[in-house]
Amino acid sequence: MNPTEGETEQPTDAELGLNAMDAPPREEREDPYVERTAADLEAVFDVPVRVSVVLGRTKMPVSHLLKLDTGTVVELDRQVGEAVEIYVNDRLVARGEIVLVENRLGVTMTEIIKPQ
């Protein structure tokens, strides 16, 4: 086969002295979405992550922000008892309810958010 104008003919493996049997075997790559066992994940067990719980949000102009003082109540966009959002490293992973654990606040997870 003759190359057309602007194309160069590519040498074949045989012309280059390559043999398929000489090539190292290809490693089969694991599907990155396959469930991992605890043993597979052991290397990352000690990696710190930041967990945040968002009670609610609000928007306000800077002029109101500058007037905030001790004792000022900031109204949020959620009702008492409404689910809060749980984030791990800024990614929404779950929703839950605020609970009291001895003298501290805690969160009971009520819904796990599946990644899309």
Protein backbone atom coordinates (compact mmCIF):
# COMPACT_ATOMS: atom_id res chain seq x y z
CA MET A 1 0.00 0.00 0.00
CA ASN A 2 1.43 3.36 -1.02
CA PRO A 3 1.10 6.28 1.34
CA THR A 4 -1.00 9.18 0.11
CA GLU A 5 0.41 12.68 -0.04
CA GLY A 6 1.33 14.00 3.43
CA GLU A 7 1.27 10.52 5.04
CA THR A 8 4.25 8.36 5.89
CA GLU A 9 4.13 4.60 5.84
CA GLN A 10 4.42 3.10 9.33
CA PRO A 11 6.78 0.11 9.65
CA THR A 12 5.22 -3.15 10.75
CA ASP A 13 6.20 -4.97 13.94
CA ALA A 14 7.97 -7.61 11.83
CA GLU A 15 9.99 -4.94 10.01
CA LEU A 16 11.03 -3.51 13.37
CA GLY A 17 12.01 -6.97 14.60
CA LEU A 18 9.29 -7.03 17.23
CA ASN A 19 7.55 -10.22 18.21
CA ALA A 20 4.36 -10.26 20.29
CA MET A 21 5.90 -13.05 22.38
CA ASP A 22 8.74 -10.68 23.40
CA ALA A 23 6.37 -8.19 25.01
CA PRO A 24 5.95 -8.39 28.78
CA PRO A 25 2.52 -9.64 29.81
CA ARG A 26 0.00 -6.87 30.44
CA GLU A 27 -1.16 -6.52 33.99
CA GLU A 28 -4.90 -6.63 34.29
CA ARG A 29 -6.03 -3.44 35.98
CA GLU A 30 -8.58 -3.77 38.70
CA ASP A 31 -11.84 -1.94 38.30
CA PRO A 32 -11.39 1.19 40.47
CA TYR A 33 -15.03 0.96 41.55
CA VAL A 34 -14.82 -2.58 42.92
CA GLU A 35 -15.59 -2.76 46.64
CA ARG A 36 -12.45 -2.95 48.70
CA THR A 37 -12.02 -4.99 51.85
CA ALA A 38 -10.76 -3.51 55.10
CA ALA A 39 -7.37 -5.12 54.45
CA ASP A 40 -7.14 -3.35 51.07
CA LEU A 41 -7.79 0.00 52.74
CA GLU A 42 -5.44 -0.49 55.68
CA ALA A 43 -2.85 1.85 54.15
CA VAL A 44 -5.20 4.82 54.45
CA PHE A 45 -6.69 4.14 57.89
CA ASP A 46 -4.53 6.82 59.54
CA VAL A 47 -5.07 9.54 56.92
CA PRO A 48 -6.85 12.45 58.64
CA VAL A 49 -10.07 13.79 57.11
CA ARG A 50 -12.14 16.82 58.08
CA VAL A 51 -15.74 16.06 59.07
CA SER A 52 -18.13 19.04 59.18
CA VAL A 53 -21.81 19.24 60.07
CA VAL A 54 -23.81 22.13 58.62
CA LEU A 55 -26.65 23.24 60.87
CA GLY A 56 -27.92 25.74 58.31
CA ARG A 57 -27.03 28.67 56.10
CA THR A 58 -28.05 32.25 55.58
CA LYS A 59 -27.19 35.13 53.29
CA MET A 60 -26.75 38.71 54.40
CA PRO A 61 -25.23 41.87 53.03
CA VAL A 62 -21.83 42.91 54.31
CA SER A 63 -23.46 45.89 56.05
CA HIS A 64 -25.44 43.46 58.28
CA LEU A 65 -22.39 41.27 58.81
CA LEU A 66 -20.44 44.25 60.12
CA LYS A 67 -23.19 44.95 62.68
CA LEU A 68 -23.07 41.47 64.26
CA ASP A 69 -22.15 41.55 67.92
CA THR A 70 -22.16 39.29 70.96
CA GLY A 71 -25.72 38.11 71.58
CA THR A 72 -26.91 38.67 68.00
CA VAL A 73 -29.10 35.81 66.75
CA VAL A 74 -28.46 34.75 63.16
CA GLU A 75 -31.46 32.99 61.62
CA LEU A 76 -30.67 29.95 59.50
CA ASP A 77 -32.56 28.32 56.63
CA ARG A 78 -33.51 25.20 58.65
CA GLN A 79 -36.23 24.38 61.14
CA VAL A 80 -35.63 22.75 64.53
CA GLY A 81 -35.48 18.97 64.00
CA GLU A 82 -34.74 19.24 60.28
CA ALA A 83 -31.87 17.09 58.93
CA VAL A 84 -28.36 18.53 58.97
CA GLU A 85 -25.72 17.90 56.29
CA ILE A 86 -22.57 15.91 57.04
CA TYR A 87 -19.51 16.64 54.90
CA VAL A 88 -16.18 14.82 54.69
CA ASN A 89 -13.47 17.01 53.17
CA ASP A 90 -16.13 19.34 51.74
CA ARG A 91 -18.06 16.50 50.06
CA LEU A 92 -21.64 15.82 51.15
CA VAL A 93 -21.72 12.22 52.39
CA ALA A 94 -24.74 11.99 54.70
CA ARG A 95 -27.62 13.69 56.47
CA GLY A 96 -28.49 13.30 60.10
CA GLU A 97 -30.19 14.54 63.24
CA ILE A 98 -28.58 16.51 66.05
CA VAL A 99 -28.45 14.56 69.32
CA LEU A 100 -27.10 15.23 72.79
CA VAL A 101 -24.26 12.91 73.87
CA GLU A 102 -23.67 13.56 77.58
CA ASN A 103 -22.84 17.29 77.51
CA ARG A 104 -21.85 17.45 73.84
CA LEU A 105 -23.63 17.68 70.52
CA GLY A 106 -23.53 14.70 68.18
CA VAL A 107 -25.15 13.61 64.94
CA THR A 108 -27.09 10.43 64.23
CA MET A 109 -26.77 9.58 60.54
CA THR A 110 -30.17 9.06 58.96
CA GLU A 111 -29.24 8.98 55.27
CA ILE A 112 -26.05 8.09 53.40
CA ILE A 113 -25.57 10.02 50.15
CA LYS A 114 -24.37 7.79 47.30
CA PRO A 115 -21.70 9.32 45.02
CA GLN A 116 -22.95 10.11 41.53
